[in-house]
N, C-alpha and C. Protein backbone atom coordinates (compact mmCIF):
# COMPACT_ATOMS: atom_id res chain seq x y z
N GLU A 1 162.91 59.87 119.94
CA GLU A 1 163.88 59.99 121.08
C GLU A 1 163.23 59.59 122.38
N GLN A 2 161.98 59.89 122.61
CA GLN A 2 161.34 59.51 123.77
C GLN A 2 161.29 57.94 123.98
N ALA A 3 161.08 57.26 122.83
CA ALA A 3 161.01 55.84 122.79
C ALA A 3 162.32 55.21 123.10
N ILE A 4 163.40 55.87 122.66
CA ILE A 4 164.74 55.32 122.96
C ILE A 4 164.97 55.46 124.48
N LYS A 5 164.70 56.63 125.06
CA LYS A 5 164.87 56.76 126.53
C LYS A 5 164.06 55.89 127.33
N ALA A 6 162.81 55.61 126.85
CA ALA A 6 161.99 54.66 127.62
C ALA A 6 162.58 53.25 127.51
N ALA A 7 163.09 52.92 126.35
CA ALA A 7 163.73 51.58 126.22
C ALA A 7 164.92 51.41 127.09
N VAL A 8 165.73 52.42 127.16
CA VAL A 8 166.97 52.38 127.96
C VAL A 8 166.53 52.32 129.40
N SER A 9 165.54 53.17 129.73
CA SER A 9 165.10 53.09 131.13
C SER A 9 164.57 51.78 131.54
N ASP A 10 163.83 51.15 130.63
CA ASP A 10 163.22 49.84 130.93
C ASP A 10 164.32 48.81 131.06
N TYR A 11 165.31 48.94 130.26
CA TYR A 11 166.47 48.02 130.29
C TYR A 11 167.17 47.99 131.64
N TYR A 12 167.49 49.24 132.13
CA TYR A 12 168.07 49.44 133.40
C TYR A 12 167.16 48.91 134.56
N LYS A 13 165.85 49.20 134.38
CA LYS A 13 164.92 48.80 135.49
C LYS A 13 164.91 47.28 135.59
N LYS A 14 165.01 46.53 134.44
CA LYS A 14 165.05 45.17 134.47
C LYS A 14 166.31 44.52 135.08
N LYS A 15 167.34 45.28 135.03
CA LYS A 15 168.59 44.92 135.64
C LYS A 15 168.74 45.35 137.09
N GLY A 16 167.66 46.08 137.56
CA GLY A 16 167.69 46.50 138.95
C GLY A 16 168.49 47.72 139.17
N ILE A 17 168.66 48.52 138.18
CA ILE A 17 169.52 49.79 138.32
C ILE A 17 168.48 50.97 138.07
N ASP A 18 168.72 52.06 138.91
CA ASP A 18 167.89 53.25 138.72
C ASP A 18 168.34 53.90 137.45
N PRO A 19 167.40 54.05 136.52
CA PRO A 19 167.79 54.60 135.17
C PRO A 19 167.93 56.20 135.17
N GLU A 20 167.31 56.80 136.24
CA GLU A 20 167.32 58.30 136.24
C GLU A 20 168.61 58.97 136.08
N PRO A 21 169.69 58.55 136.80
CA PRO A 21 170.96 59.26 136.64
C PRO A 21 171.56 59.06 135.21
N ILE A 22 171.13 58.00 134.45
CA ILE A 22 171.72 57.77 133.16
C ILE A 22 170.84 58.46 132.07
N VAL A 23 169.56 58.32 132.11
CA VAL A 23 168.72 58.88 130.97
C VAL A 23 167.89 60.09 131.55
N GLY A 24 167.91 60.44 132.79
CA GLY A 24 167.11 61.48 133.30
C GLY A 24 165.65 60.94 133.44
N THR A 25 164.75 61.79 133.86
CA THR A 25 163.38 61.37 134.12
C THR A 25 162.66 61.08 132.93
N VAL A 26 162.07 59.87 132.88
CA VAL A 26 161.35 59.55 131.63
C VAL A 26 159.88 59.32 132.08
N PRO A 27 158.99 60.13 131.50
CA PRO A 27 157.61 59.94 131.82
C PRO A 27 157.03 58.57 131.46
N GLU A 28 156.34 57.93 132.32
CA GLU A 28 155.77 56.66 131.98
C GLU A 28 154.95 56.74 130.71
N CYS A 29 155.20 55.86 129.78
CA CYS A 29 154.44 55.87 128.55
C CYS A 29 153.55 54.63 128.52
N THR A 30 152.35 54.93 128.18
CA THR A 30 151.28 53.85 128.11
C THR A 30 150.86 53.68 126.64
N SER A 31 151.21 54.61 125.80
CA SER A 31 150.72 54.47 124.37
C SER A 31 151.68 53.68 123.50
N CYS A 32 152.86 53.41 123.96
CA CYS A 32 153.76 52.64 123.08
C CYS A 32 153.88 51.26 123.58
N SER A 33 154.51 50.38 122.82
CA SER A 33 154.56 48.92 123.10
C SER A 33 155.83 48.56 123.92
N CYS A 34 156.42 49.54 124.64
CA CYS A 34 157.62 49.16 125.27
C CYS A 34 157.35 48.67 126.68
N GLY A 35 156.10 48.59 127.08
CA GLY A 35 155.72 48.08 128.36
C GLY A 35 155.43 46.66 128.27
């Protein structure tokens, strides 16, 4: 579930949209390959 939120958050960030209202606060993950 955390990976999905991170992926959605990253998707919105790339589009220049603040992801917080959509997915809530997502802690920055450094251990996964979504960065």
